[in-house]
Amino acid sequence: MSENLTPNNIENDDLKLNNQDDDYKNLITRLNEIKITIALLEKIIYK
C-alpha cells in the first residue's frame, strides 16, 4: 500500500518545489521593481 503512495508523494513534492521556485522568481522580480522605483524616487528627490 505504501508503494502506491510513493509516486503521489514524489509528484506532490515536485509540485511544491515548482511552486517554491515560482514564488522565489516572483519575489526576485518584485524586489527588482522596488529597487528601480527607489532609484527613480532618489533621482527625483535629489534634483
Protein backbone atom coordinates (compact mmCIF):
# COMPACT_ATOMS: atom_id res chain seq x y z
CA MET A 1 0.00 0.00 0.00
CA SER A 2 2.84 2.43 0.76
CA GLU A 3 4.22 1.62 -2.70
CA ASN A 4 1.13 3.22 -4.22
CA LEU A 5 1.58 6.37 -2.16
CA THR A 6 5.22 6.94 -3.04
CA PRO A 7 4.72 8.17 -6.63
CA ASN A 8 1.99 10.53 -5.47
CA ASN A 9 4.22 11.91 -2.75
CA ILE A 10 7.03 12.45 -5.24
CA GLU A 11 4.66 14.29 -7.59
CA ASN A 12 3.39 16.42 -4.70
CA ASP A 13 6.95 17.23 -3.65
CA ASP A 14 7.81 18.21 -7.22
CA LEU A 15 4.75 20.43 -7.35
CA LYS A 16 5.73 22.10 -4.08
CA LEU A 17 9.26 22.70 -5.39
CA ASN A 18 7.90 24.17 -8.60
CA ASN A 19 5.62 26.45 -6.61
CA GLN A 20 8.52 27.48 -4.39
CA ASP A 21 10.65 28.19 -7.46
CA ASP A 22 7.86 30.30 -8.93
CA ASP A 23 7.43 32.14 -5.64
CA TYR A 24 11.16 32.79 -5.49
CA LYS A 25 11.26 34.10 -9.06
CA ASN A 26 8.24 36.32 -8.40
CA LEU A 27 9.90 37.66 -5.25
CA ILE A 28 13.12 38.46 -7.09
CA THR A 29 11.15 40.21 -9.85
CA ARG A 30 9.18 42.24 -7.33
CA LEU A 31 12.33 43.20 -5.42
CA ASN A 32 13.95 44.39 -8.65
CA GLU A 33 10.88 46.51 -9.40
CA ILE A 34 11.07 48.02 -5.91
CA LYS A 35 14.78 48.73 -6.38
CA ILE A 36 14.09 50.56 -9.65
CA THR A 37 11.28 52.57 -8.06
CA ILE A 38 13.52 53.61 -5.17
CA ALA A 39 16.28 54.65 -7.57
CA LEU A 40 13.83 56.80 -9.55
CA LEU A 41 12.48 58.38 -6.37
CA GLU A 42 16.01 59.18 -5.22
CA LYS A 43 16.70 60.93 -8.53
CA ILE A 44 13.53 62.99 -8.15
CA ILE A 45 14.26 63.92 -4.54
CA TYR A 46 17.90 64.89 -5.09
CA LYS A 47 17.35 67.02 -8.25
